[in-house]
mmCIF file of all heavy atoms, coordinates in Angstrom:
data_MODEL
# 
_entry.id   MODEL 
# 
loop_
_atom_site.group_PDB 
_atom_site.id 
_atom_site.type_symbol 
_atom_site.label_atom_id 
_atom_site.label_alt_id 
_atom_site.label_comp_id 
_atom_site.label_asym_id 
_atom_site.label_entity_id 
_atom_site.label_seq_id 
_atom_site.pdbx_PDB_ins_code 
_atom_site.Cartn_x 
_atom_site.Cartn_y 
_atom_site.Cartn_z 
_atom_site.occupancy 
_atom_site.B_iso_or_equiv 
_atom_site.pdbx_formal_charge 
_atom_site.auth_seq_id 
_atom_site.auth_comp_id 
_atom_site.auth_asym_id 
_atom_site.auth_atom_id 
_atom_site.pdbx_PDB_model_num 
ATOM 1   N N   . ALA A 1 1  ? 47.624 61.106 -9.899  1.00 0.00 ? 1  ALA A N   1 
ATOM 2   C CA  . ALA A 1 1  ? 46.357 60.524 -9.431  1.00 0.00 ? 1  ALA A CA  1 
ATOM 3   C C   . ALA A 1 1  ? 45.759 59.614 -10.493 1.00 0.00 ? 1  ALA A C   1 
ATOM 4   O O   . ALA A 1 1  ? 45.236 58.536 -10.180 1.00 0.00 ? 1  ALA A O   1 
ATOM 5   C CB  . ALA A 1 1  ? 45.378 61.653 -9.080  1.00 0.00 ? 1  ALA A CB  1 
ATOM 6   N N   . TYR A 1 2  ? 45.828 60.036 -11.768 1.00 0.00 ? 2  TYR A N   1 
ATOM 7   C CA  . TYR A 1 2  ? 45.353 59.188 -12.864 1.00 0.00 ? 2  TYR A CA  1 
ATOM 8   C C   . TYR A 1 2  ? 46.114 57.863 -12.873 1.00 0.00 ? 2  TYR A C   1 
ATOM 9   O O   . TYR A 1 2  ? 45.525 56.791 -13.026 1.00 0.00 ? 2  TYR A O   1 
ATOM 10  C CB  . TYR A 1 2  ? 45.584 59.874 -14.220 1.00 0.00 ? 2  TYR A CB  1 
ATOM 11  C CG  . TYR A 1 2  ? 44.711 61.056 -14.530 1.00 0.00 ? 2  TYR A CG  1 
ATOM 12  C CD1 . TYR A 1 2  ? 45.141 62.030 -15.429 1.00 0.00 ? 2  TYR A CD1 1 
ATOM 13  C CD2 . TYR A 1 2  ? 43.449 61.215 -13.962 1.00 0.00 ? 2  TYR A CD2 1 
ATOM 14  C CE1 . TYR A 1 2  ? 44.350 63.124 -15.739 1.00 0.00 ? 2  TYR A CE1 1 
ATOM 15  C CE2 . TYR A 1 2  ? 42.663 62.312 -14.264 1.00 0.00 ? 2  TYR A CE2 1 
ATOM 16  C CZ  . TYR A 1 2  ? 43.107 63.258 -15.150 1.00 0.00 ? 2  TYR A CZ  1 
ATOM 17  O OH  . TYR A 1 2  ? 42.330 64.340 -15.463 1.00 0.00 ? 2  TYR A OH  1 
ATOM 18  N N   . HIS A 1 3  ? 47.445 57.952 -12.752 1.00 0.00 ? 3  HIS A N   1 
ATOM 19  C CA  . HIS A 1 3  ? 48.297 56.762 -12.790 1.00 0.00 ? 3  HIS A CA  1 
ATOM 20  C C   . HIS A 1 3  ? 47.930 55.803 -11.658 1.00 0.00 ? 3  HIS A C   1 
ATOM 21  O O   . HIS A 1 3  ? 47.786 54.586 -11.886 1.00 0.00 ? 3  HIS A O   1 
ATOM 22  C CB  . HIS A 1 3  ? 49.769 57.175 -12.684 1.00 0.00 ? 3  HIS A CB  1 
ATOM 23  C CG  . HIS A 1 3  ? 50.724 56.039 -12.823 1.00 0.00 ? 3  HIS A CG  1 
ATOM 24  N ND1 . HIS A 1 3  ? 51.016 55.185 -11.768 1.00 0.00 ? 3  HIS A ND1 1 
ATOM 25  C CD2 . HIS A 1 3  ? 51.430 55.583 -13.886 1.00 0.00 ? 3  HIS A CD2 1 
ATOM 26  C CE1 . HIS A 1 3  ? 51.877 54.274 -12.177 1.00 0.00 ? 3  HIS A CE1 1 
ATOM 27  N NE2 . HIS A 1 3  ? 52.153 54.488 -13.456 1.00 0.00 ? 3  HIS A NE2 1 
ATOM 28  N N   . LYS A 1 4  ? 47.756 56.347 -10.476 1.00 0.00 ? 4  LYS A N   1 
ATOM 29  C CA  . LYS A 1 4  ? 47.412 55.520 -9.320  1.00 0.00 ? 4  LYS A CA  1 
ATOM 30  C C   . LYS A 1 4  ? 46.062 54.843 -9.518  1.00 0.00 ? 4  LYS A C   1 
ATOM 31  O O   . LYS A 1 4  ? 45.895 53.648 -9.240  1.00 0.00 ? 4  LYS A O   1 
ATOM 32  C CB  . LYS A 1 4  ? 47.399 56.391 -8.060  1.00 0.00 ? 4  LYS A CB  1 
ATOM 33  C CG  . LYS A 1 4  ? 47.142 55.612 -6.778  1.00 0.00 ? 4  LYS A CG  1 
ATOM 34  C CD  . LYS A 1 4  ? 47.207 56.544 -5.566  1.00 0.00 ? 4  LYS A CD  1 
ATOM 35  C CE  . LYS A 1 4  ? 46.957 55.774 -4.267  1.00 0.00 ? 4  LYS A CE  1 
ATOM 36  N NZ  . LYS A 1 4  ? 47.010 56.676 -3.087  1.00 0.00 ? 4  LYS A NZ  1 
ATOM 37  N N   . ASP A 1 5  ? 45.104 55.601 -10.027 1.00 0.00 ? 5  ASP A N   1 
ATOM 38  C CA  . ASP A 1 5  ? 43.761 55.068 -10.228 1.00 0.00 ? 5  ASP A CA  1 
ATOM 39  C C   . ASP A 1 5  ? 43.742 53.999 -11.315 1.00 0.00 ? 5  ASP A C   1 
ATOM 40  O O   . ASP A 1 5  ? 43.130 52.941 -11.157 1.00 0.00 ? 5  ASP A O   1 
ATOM 41  C CB  . ASP A 1 5  ? 42.805 56.213 -10.596 1.00 0.00 ? 5  ASP A CB  1 
ATOM 42  C CG  . ASP A 1 5  ? 41.369 55.737 -10.712 1.00 0.00 ? 5  ASP A CG  1 
ATOM 43  O OD1 . ASP A 1 5  ? 40.884 55.054 -9.798  1.00 0.00 ? 5  ASP A OD1 1 
ATOM 44  O OD2 . ASP A 1 5  ? 40.720 56.046 -11.733 1.00 0.00 ? 5  ASP A OD2 1 
ATOM 45  N N   . LEU A 1 6  ? 44.412 54.276 -12.435 1.00 0.00 ? 6  LEU A N   1 
ATOM 46  C CA  . LEU A 1 6  ? 44.463 53.300 -13.530 1.00 0.00 ? 6  LEU A CA  1 
ATOM 47  C C   . LEU A 1 6  ? 45.181 52.024 -13.102 1.00 0.00 ? 6  LEU A C   1 
ATOM 48  O O   . LEU A 1 6  ? 44.775 50.918 -13.471 1.00 0.00 ? 6  LEU A O   1 
ATOM 49  C CB  . LEU A 1 6  ? 45.154 53.904 -14.753 1.00 0.00 ? 6  LEU A CB  1 
ATOM 50  C CG  . LEU A 1 6  ? 44.299 54.808 -15.643 1.00 0.00 ? 6  LEU A CG  1 
ATOM 51  C CD1 . LEU A 1 6  ? 45.185 55.537 -16.660 1.00 0.00 ? 6  LEU A CD1 1 
ATOM 52  C CD2 . LEU A 1 6  ? 43.225 54.012 -16.356 1.00 0.00 ? 6  LEU A CD2 1 
ATOM 53  N N   . THR A 1 7  ? 46.242 52.172 -12.349 1.00 0.00 ? 7  THR A N   1 
ATOM 54  C CA  . THR A 1 7  ? 46.984 51.006 -11.852 1.00 0.00 ? 7  THR A CA  1 
ATOM 55  C C   . THR A 1 7  ? 46.075 50.112 -11.012 1.00 0.00 ? 7  THR A C   1 
ATOM 56  O O   . THR A 1 7  ? 46.066 48.882 -11.169 1.00 0.00 ? 7  THR A O   1 
ATOM 57  C CB  . THR A 1 7  ? 48.207 51.454 -11.023 1.00 0.00 ? 7  THR A CB  1 
ATOM 58  O OG1 . THR A 1 7  ? 49.091 52.215 -11.862 1.00 0.00 ? 7  THR A OG1 1 
ATOM 59  C CG2 . THR A 1 7  ? 48.947 50.256 -10.459 1.00 0.00 ? 7  THR A CG2 1 
ATOM 60  N N   . ALA A 1 8  ? 45.303 50.737 -10.136 1.00 0.00 ? 8  ALA A N   1 
ATOM 61  C CA  . ALA A 1 8  ? 44.372 49.964 -9.294  1.00 0.00 ? 8  ALA A CA  1 
ATOM 62  C C   . ALA A 1 8  ? 43.285 49.308 -10.138 1.00 0.00 ? 8  ALA A C   1 
ATOM 63  O O   . ALA A 1 8  ? 42.904 48.154 -9.898  1.00 0.00 ? 8  ALA A O   1 
ATOM 64  C CB  . ALA A 1 8  ? 43.738 50.888 -8.250  1.00 0.00 ? 8  ALA A CB  1 
ATOM 65  N N   . GLN A 1 9  ? 42.792 50.023 -11.146 1.00 0.00 ? 9  GLN A N   1 
ATOM 66  C CA  . GLN A 1 9  ? 41.742 49.477 -12.005 1.00 0.00 ? 9  GLN A CA  1 
ATOM 67  C C   . GLN A 1 9  ? 42.247 48.275 -12.802 1.00 0.00 ? 9  GLN A C   1 
ATOM 68  O O   . GLN A 1 9  ? 41.540 47.262 -12.924 1.00 0.00 ? 9  GLN A O   1 
ATOM 69  C CB  . GLN A 1 9  ? 41.222 50.549 -12.961 1.00 0.00 ? 9  GLN A CB  1 
ATOM 70  C CG  . GLN A 1 9  ? 40.392 51.631 -12.310 1.00 0.00 ? 9  GLN A CG  1 
ATOM 71  C CD  . GLN A 1 9  ? 39.815 52.592 -13.324 1.00 0.00 ? 9  GLN A CD  1 
ATOM 72  O OE1 . GLN A 1 9  ? 39.271 52.191 -14.359 1.00 0.00 ? 9  GLN A OE1 1 
ATOM 73  N NE2 . GLN A 1 9  ? 39.933 53.873 -13.059 1.00 0.00 ? 9  GLN A NE2 1 
ATOM 74  N N   . VAL A 1 10 ? 43.442 48.393 -13.362 1.00 0.00 ? 10 VAL A N   1 
ATOM 75  C CA  . VAL A 1 10 ? 44.016 47.293 -14.133 1.00 0.00 ? 10 VAL A CA  1 
ATOM 76  C C   . VAL A 1 10 ? 44.249 46.077 -13.237 1.00 0.00 ? 10 VAL A C   1 
ATOM 77  O O   . VAL A 1 10 ? 43.940 44.943 -13.604 1.00 0.00 ? 10 VAL A O   1 
ATOM 78  C CB  . VAL A 1 10 ? 45.342 47.718 -14.812 1.00 0.00 ? 10 VAL A CB  1 
ATOM 79  C CG1 . VAL A 1 10 ? 46.081 46.508 -15.368 1.00 0.00 ? 10 VAL A CG1 1 
ATOM 80  C CG2 . VAL A 1 10 ? 45.059 48.718 -15.932 1.00 0.00 ? 10 VAL A CG2 1 
ATOM 81  N N   . ALA A 1 11 ? 44.794 46.317 -12.066 1.00 0.00 ? 11 ALA A N   1 
ATOM 82  C CA  . ALA A 1 11 ? 45.101 45.213 -11.156 1.00 0.00 ? 11 ALA A CA  1 
ATOM 83  C C   . ALA A 1 11 ? 43.850 44.449 -10.714 1.00 0.00 ? 11 ALA A C   1 
ATOM 84  O O   . ALA A 1 11 ? 43.886 43.234 -10.548 1.00 0.00 ? 11 ALA A O   1 
ATOM 85  C CB  . ALA A 1 11 ? 45.844 45.759 -9.928  1.00 0.00 ? 11 ALA A CB  1 
ATOM 86  N N   . SER A 1 12 ? 42.730 45.166 -10.558 1.00 0.00 ? 12 SER A N   1 
ATOM 87  C CA  . SER A 1 12 ? 41.521 44.536 -10.027 1.00 0.00 ? 12 SER A CA  1 
ATOM 88  C C   . SER A 1 12 ? 40.542 44.075 -11.102 1.00 0.00 ? 12 SER A C   1 
ATOM 89  O O   . SER A 1 12 ? 39.603 43.342 -10.797 1.00 0.00 ? 12 SER A O   1 
ATOM 90  C CB  . SER A 1 12 ? 40.803 45.504 -9.079  1.00 0.00 ? 12 SER A CB  1 
ATOM 91  O OG  . SER A 1 12 ? 40.369 46.653 -9.790  1.00 0.00 ? 12 SER A OG  1 
ATOM 92  N N   . GLU A 1 13 ? 40.745 44.490 -12.366 1.00 0.00 ? 13 GLU A N   1 
ATOM 93  C CA  . GLU A 1 13 ? 39.781 44.177 -13.419 1.00 0.00 ? 13 GLU A CA  1 
ATOM 94  C C   . GLU A 1 13 ? 39.739 42.678 -13.723 1.00 0.00 ? 13 GLU A C   1 
ATOM 95  O O   . GLU A 1 13 ? 40.774 42.038 -13.884 1.00 0.00 ? 13 GLU A O   1 
ATOM 96  C CB  . GLU A 1 13 ? 40.132 44.946 -14.705 1.00 0.00 ? 13 GLU A CB  1 
ATOM 97  C CG  . GLU A 1 13 ? 39.124 44.784 -15.839 1.00 0.00 ? 13 GLU A CG  1 
ATOM 98  C CD  . GLU A 1 13 ? 37.730 45.219 -15.425 1.00 0.00 ? 13 GLU A CD  1 
ATOM 99  O OE1 . GLU A 1 13 ? 37.530 46.421 -15.248 1.00 0.00 ? 13 GLU A OE1 1 
ATOM 100 O OE2 . GLU A 1 13 ? 36.867 44.326 -15.266 1.00 0.00 ? 13 GLU A OE2 1 
ATOM 101 N N   . THR A 1 14 ? 38.539 42.141 -13.802 1.00 0.00 ? 14 THR A N   1 
ATOM 102 C CA  . THR A 1 14 ? 38.363 40.709 -14.103 1.00 0.00 ? 14 THR A CA  1 
ATOM 103 C C   . THR A 1 14 ? 37.641 40.482 -15.429 1.00 0.00 ? 14 THR A C   1 
ATOM 104 O O   . THR A 1 14 ? 37.617 39.360 -15.920 1.00 0.00 ? 14 THR A O   1 
ATOM 105 C CB  . THR A 1 14 ? 37.561 40.015 -12.979 1.00 0.00 ? 14 THR A CB  1 
ATOM 106 O OG1 . THR A 1 14 ? 36.289 40.669 -12.841 1.00 0.00 ? 14 THR A OG1 1 
ATOM 107 C CG2 . THR A 1 14 ? 38.315 40.082 -11.660 1.00 0.00 ? 14 THR A CG2 1 
ATOM 108 N N   . ASP A 1 15 ? 37.058 41.532 -15.972 1.00 0.00 ? 15 ASP A N   1 
ATOM 109 C CA  . ASP A 1 15 ? 36.368 41.407 -17.264 1.00 0.00 ? 15 ASP A CA  1 
ATOM 110 C C   . ASP A 1 15 ? 37.382 41.475 -18.395 1.00 0.00 ? 15 ASP A C   1 
ATOM 111 O O   . ASP A 1 15 ? 38.169 42.411 -18.487 1.00 0.00 ? 15 ASP A O   1 
ATOM 112 C CB  . ASP A 1 15 ? 35.328 42.529 -17.408 1.00 0.00 ? 15 ASP A CB  1 
ATOM 113 C CG  . ASP A 1 15 ? 34.499 42.378 -18.664 1.00 0.00 ? 15 ASP A CG  1 
ATOM 114 O OD1 . ASP A 1 15 ? 35.001 42.708 -19.770 1.00 0.00 ? 15 ASP A OD1 1 
ATOM 115 O OD2 . ASP A 1 15 ? 33.347 41.914 -18.577 1.00 0.00 ? 15 ASP A OD2 1 
ATOM 116 N N   . LYS A 1 16 ? 37.343 40.469 -19.257 1.00 0.00 ? 16 LYS A N   1 
ATOM 117 C CA  . LYS A 1 16 ? 38.354 40.345 -20.306 1.00 0.00 ? 16 LYS A CA  1 
ATOM 118 C C   . LYS A 1 16 ? 38.341 41.517 -21.284 1.00 0.00 ? 16 LYS A C   1 
ATOM 119 O O   . LYS A 1 16 ? 39.393 41.982 -21.733 1.00 0.00 ? 16 LYS A O   1 
ATOM 120 C CB  . LYS A 1 16 ? 38.138 39.036 -21.077 1.00 0.00 ? 16 LYS A CB  1 
ATOM 121 C CG  . LYS A 1 16 ? 38.138 37.802 -20.198 1.00 0.00 ? 16 LYS A CG  1 
ATOM 122 C CD  . LYS A 1 16 ? 37.667 36.570 -20.948 1.00 0.00 ? 16 LYS A CD  1 
ATOM 123 C CE  . LYS A 1 16 ? 37.476 35.381 -20.025 1.00 0.00 ? 16 LYS A CE  1 
ATOM 124 N NZ  . LYS A 1 16 ? 36.384 35.613 -19.038 1.00 0.00 ? 16 LYS A NZ  1 
ATOM 125 N N   . ILE A 1 17 ? 37.165 41.997 -21.642 1.00 0.00 ? 17 ILE A N   1 
ATOM 126 C CA  . ILE A 1 17 ? 37.062 43.079 -22.617 1.00 0.00 ? 17 ILE A CA  1 
ATOM 127 C C   . ILE A 1 17 ? 37.260 44.433 -21.953 1.00 0.00 ? 17 ILE A C   1 
ATOM 128 O O   . ILE A 1 17 ? 37.933 45.314 -22.509 1.00 0.00 ? 17 ILE A O   1 
ATOM 129 C CB  . ILE A 1 17 ? 35.710 43.008 -23.351 1.00 0.00 ? 17 ILE A CB  1 
ATOM 130 C CG1 . ILE A 1 17 ? 35.681 41.748 -24.228 1.00 0.00 ? 17 ILE A CG1 1 
ATOM 131 C CG2 . ILE A 1 17 ? 35.478 44.253 -24.197 1.00 0.00 ? 17 ILE A CG2 1 
ATOM 132 C CD1 . ILE A 1 17 ? 34.398 41.527 -24.997 1.00 0.00 ? 17 ILE A CD1 1 
ATOM 133 N N   . ALA A 1 18 ? 36.711 44.617 -20.761 1.00 0.00 ? 18 ALA A N   1 
ATOM 134 C CA  . ALA A 1 18 ? 36.848 45.901 -20.056 1.00 0.00 ? 18 ALA A CA  1 
ATOM 135 C C   . ALA A 1 18 ? 38.297 46.189 -19.668 1.00 0.00 ? 18 ALA A C   1 
ATOM 136 O O   . ALA A 1 18 ? 38.673 47.355 -19.478 1.00 0.00 ? 18 ALA A O   1 
ATOM 137 C CB  . ALA A 1 18 ? 35.972 45.898 -18.812 1.00 0.00 ? 18 ALA A CB  1 
ATOM 138 N N   . LEU A 1 19 ? 39.121 45.149 -19.556 1.00 0.00 ? 19 LEU A N   1 
ATOM 139 C CA  . LEU A 1 19 ? 40.522 45.337 -19.177 1.00 0.00 ? 19 LEU A CA  1 
ATOM 140 C C   . LEU A 1 19 ? 41.309 46.119 -20.223 1.00 0.00 ? 19 LEU A C   1 
ATOM 141 O O   . LEU A 1 19 ? 42.135 46.971 -19.892 1.00 0.00 ? 19 LEU A O   1 
ATOM 142 C CB  . LEU A 1 19 ? 41.186 43.972 -18.949 1.00 0.00 ? 19 LEU A CB  1 
ATOM 143 C CG  . LEU A 1 19 ? 42.702 43.982 -18.699 1.00 0.00 ? 19 LEU A CG  1 
ATOM 144 C CD1 . LEU A 1 19 ? 43.030 44.701 -17.403 1.00 0.00 ? 19 LEU A CD1 1 
ATOM 145 C CD2 . LEU A 1 19 ? 43.248 42.555 -18.682 1.00 0.00 ? 19 LEU A CD2 1 
ATOM 146 N N   . LEU A 1 20 ? 41.041 45.854 -21.500 1.00 0.00 ? 20 LEU A N   1 
ATOM 147 C CA  . LEU A 1 20 ? 41.873 46.392 -22.571 1.00 0.00 ? 20 LEU A CA  1 
ATOM 148 C C   . LEU A 1 20 ? 41.980 47.921 -22.579 1.00 0.00 ? 20 LEU A C   1 
ATOM 149 O O   . LEU A 1 20 ? 43.087 48.460 -22.607 1.00 0.00 ? 20 LEU A O   1 
ATOM 150 C CB  . LEU A 1 20 ? 41.400 45.869 -23.925 1.00 0.00 ? 20 LEU A CB  1 
ATOM 151 C CG  . LEU A 1 20 ? 42.241 46.322 -25.133 1.00 0.00 ? 20 LEU A CG  1 
ATOM 152 C CD1 . LEU A 1 20 ? 43.690 45.863 -24.982 1.00 0.00 ? 20 LEU A CD1 1 
ATOM 153 C CD2 . LEU A 1 20 ? 41.645 45.778 -26.423 1.00 0.00 ? 20 LEU A CD2 1 
ATOM 154 N N   . PRO A 1 21 ? 40.870 48.686 -22.592 1.00 0.00 ? 21 PRO A N   1 
ATOM 155 C CA  . PRO A 1 21 ? 41.013 50.140 -22.619 1.00 0.00 ? 21 PRO A CA  1 
ATOM 156 C C   . PRO A 1 21 ? 41.749 50.701 -21.411 1.00 0.00 ? 21 PRO A C   1 
ATOM 157 O O   . PRO A 1 21 ? 42.447 51.725 -21.526 1.00 0.00 ? 21 PRO A O   1 
ATOM 158 C CB  . PRO A 1 21 ? 39.563 50.647 -22.687 1.00 0.00 ? 21 PRO A CB  1 
ATOM 159 C CG  . PRO A 1 21 ? 38.714 49.507 -22.291 1.00 0.00 ? 21 PRO A CG  1 
ATOM 160 C CD  . PRO A 1 21 ? 39.446 48.273 -22.674 1.00 0.00 ? 21 PRO A CD  1 
ATOM 161 N N   . LYS A 1 22 ? 41.643 50.034 -20.273 1.00 0.00 ? 22 LYS A N   1 
ATOM 162 C CA  . LYS A 1 22 ? 42.344 50.489 -19.080 1.00 0.00 ? 22 LYS A CA  1 
ATOM 163 C C   . LYS A 1 22 ? 43.849 50.255 -19.226 1.00 0.00 ? 22 LYS A C   1 
ATOM 164 O O   . LYS A 1 22 ? 44.664 51.104 -18.843 1.00 0.00 ? 22 LYS A O   1 
ATOM 165 C CB  . LYS A 1 22 ? 41.800 49.769 -17.849 1.00 0.00 ? 22 LYS A CB  1 
ATOM 166 C CG  . LYS A 1 22 ? 40.342 50.120 -17.552 1.00 0.00 ? 22 LYS A CG  1 
ATOM 167 C CD  . LYS A 1 22 ? 39.759 49.293 -16.433 1.00 0.00 ? 22 LYS A CD  1 
ATOM 168 C CE  . LYS A 1 22 ? 38.286 49.665 -16.209 1.00 0.00 ? 22 LYS A CE  1 
ATOM 169 N NZ  . LYS A 1 22 ? 37.658 48.858 -15.153 1.00 0.00 ? 22 LYS A NZ  1 
ATOM 170 N N   . VAL A 1 23 ? 44.203 49.113 -19.796 1.00 0.00 ? 23 VAL A N   1 
ATOM 171 C CA  . VAL A 1 23 ? 45.615 48.818 -20.049 1.00 0.00 ? 23 VAL A CA  1 
ATOM 172 C C   . VAL A 1 23 ? 46.193 49.824 -21.046 1.00 0.00 ? 23 VAL A C   1 
ATOM 173 O O   . VAL A 1 23 ? 47.292 50.355 -20.851 1.00 0.00 ? 23 VAL A O   1 
ATOM 174 C CB  . VAL A 1 23 ? 45.780 47.383 -20.592 1.00 0.00 ? 23 VAL A CB  1 
ATOM 175 C CG1 . VAL A 1 23 ? 47.167 47.192 -21.211 1.00 0.00 ? 23 VAL A CG1 1 
ATOM 176 C CG2 . VAL A 1 23 ? 45.569 46.374 -19.475 1.00 0.00 ? 23 VAL A CG2 1 
ATOM 177 N N   . ILE A 1 24 ? 45.444 50.092 -22.112 1.00 0.00 ? 24 ILE A N   1 
ATOM 178 C CA  . ILE A 1 24 ? 45.908 51.036 -23.131 1.00 0.00 ? 24 ILE A CA  1 
ATOM 179 C C   . ILE A 1 24 ? 46.112 52.423 -22.523 1.00 0.00 ? 24 ILE A C   1 
ATOM 180 O O   . ILE A 1 24 ? 47.130 53.087 -22.773 1.00 0.00 ? 24 ILE A O   1 
ATOM 181 C CB  . ILE A 1 24 ? 44.911 51.108 -24.301 1.00 0.00 ? 24 ILE A CB  1 
ATOM 182 C CG1 . ILE A 1 24 ? 44.870 49.773 -25.041 1.00 0.00 ? 24 ILE A CG1 1 
ATOM 183 C CG2 . ILE A 1 24 ? 45.283 52.231 -25.262 1.00 0.00 ? 24 ILE A CG2 1 
ATOM 184 C CD1 . ILE A 1 24 ? 43.740 49.660 -26.045 1.00 0.00 ? 24 ILE A CD1 1 
ATOM 185 N N   . ALA A 1 25 ? 45.153 52.879 -21.711 1.00 0.00 ? 25 ALA A N   1 
ATOM 186 C CA  . ALA A 1 25 ? 45.258 54.196 -21.090 1.00 0.00 ? 25 ALA A CA  1 
ATOM 187 C C   . ALA A 1 25 ? 46.478 54.274 -20.174 1.00 0.00 ? 25 ALA A C   1 
ATOM 188 O O   . ALA A 1 25 ? 47.193 55.290 -20.151 1.00 0.00 ? 25 ALA A O   1 
ATOM 189 C CB  . ALA A 1 25 ? 43.994 54.507 -20.309 1.00 0.00 ? 25 ALA A CB  1 
ATOM 190 N N   . LEU A 1 26 ? 46.743 53.204 -19.432 1.00 0.00 ? 26 LEU A N   1 
ATOM 191 C CA  . LEU A 1 26 ? 47.880 53.192 -18.518 1.00 0.00 ? 26 LEU A CA  1 
ATOM 192 C C   . LEU A 1 26 ? 49.195 53.175 -19.282 1.00 0.00 ? 26 LEU A C   1 
ATOM 193 O O   . LEU A 1 26 ? 50.142 53.911 -18.946 1.00 0.00 ? 26 LEU A O   1 
ATOM 194 C CB  . LEU A 1 26 ? 47.790 51.982 -17.585 1.00 0.00 ? 26 LEU A CB  1 
ATOM 195 C CG  . LEU A 1 26 ? 48.879 51.856 -16.512 1.00 0.00 ? 26 LEU A CG  1 
ATOM 196 C CD1 . LEU A 1 26 ? 48.985 53.128 -15.675 1.00 0.00 ? 26 LEU A CD1 1 
ATOM 197 C CD2 . LEU A 1 26 ? 48.585 50.653 -15.607 1.00 0.00 ? 26 LEU A CD2 1 
ATOM 198 N N   . LEU A 1 27 ? 49.292 52.365 -20.332 1.00 0.00 ? 27 LEU A N   1 
ATOM 199 C CA  . LEU A 1 27 ? 50.506 52.332 -21.148 1.00 0.00 ? 27 LEU A CA  1 
ATOM 200 C C   . LEU A 1 27 ? 50.744 53.678 -21.831 1.00 0.00 ? 27 LEU A C   1 
ATOM 201 O O   . LEU A 1 27 ? 51.876 54.171 -21.899 1.00 0.00 ? 27 LEU A O   1 
ATOM 202 C CB  . LEU A 1 27 ? 50.406 51.226 -22.202 1.00 0.00 ? 27 LEU A CB  1 
ATOM 203 C CG  . LEU A 1 27 ? 50.489 49.785 -21.683 1.00 0.00 ? 27 LEU A CG  1 
ATOM 204 C CD1 . LEU A 1 27 ? 50.191 48.801 -22.813 1.00 0.00 ? 27 LEU A CD1 1 
ATOM 205 C CD2 . LEU A 1 27 ? 51.857 49.500 -21.082 1.00 0.00 ? 27 LEU A CD2 1 
ATOM 206 N N   . PHE A 1 28 ? 49.673 54.282 -22.333 1.00 0.00 ? 28 PHE A N   1 
ATOM 207 C CA  . PHE A 1 28 ? 49.778 55.584 -23.001 1.00 0.00 ? 28 PHE A CA  1 
ATOM 208 C C   . PHE A 1 28 ? 50.293 56.638 -22.024 1.00 0.00 ? 28 PHE A C   1 
ATOM 209 O O   . PHE A 1 28 ? 51.150 57.466 -22.364 1.00 0.00 ? 28 PHE A O   1 
ATOM 210 C CB  . PHE A 1 28 ? 48.395 55.988 -23.537 1.00 0.00 ? 28 PHE A CB  1 
ATOM 211 C CG  . PHE A 1 28 ? 48.419 57.096 -24.551 1.00 0.00 ? 28 PHE A CG  1 
ATOM 212 C CD1 . PHE A 1 28 ? 48.498 56.812 -25.903 1.00 0.00 ? 28 PHE A CD1 1 
ATOM 213 C CD2 . PHE A 1 28 ? 48.366 58.422 -24.148 1.00 0.00 ? 28 PHE A CD2 1 
ATOM 214 C CE1 . PHE A 1 28 ? 48.518 57.836 -26.842 1.00 0.00 ? 28 PHE A CE1 1 
ATOM 215 C CE2 . PHE A 1 28 ? 48.387 59.449 -25.074 1.00 0.00 ? 28 PHE A CE2 1 
ATOM 216 C CZ  . PHE A 1 28 ? 48.459 59.152 -26.432 1.00 0.00 ? 28 PHE A CZ  1 
# 
């Protein structure tokens, strides 16, 4: 569920700075 949610958040994020922690969490 975390993976699915993070994937959706990364795909839809448009804020340049807010994207980074979501990408890091998904890669981790």
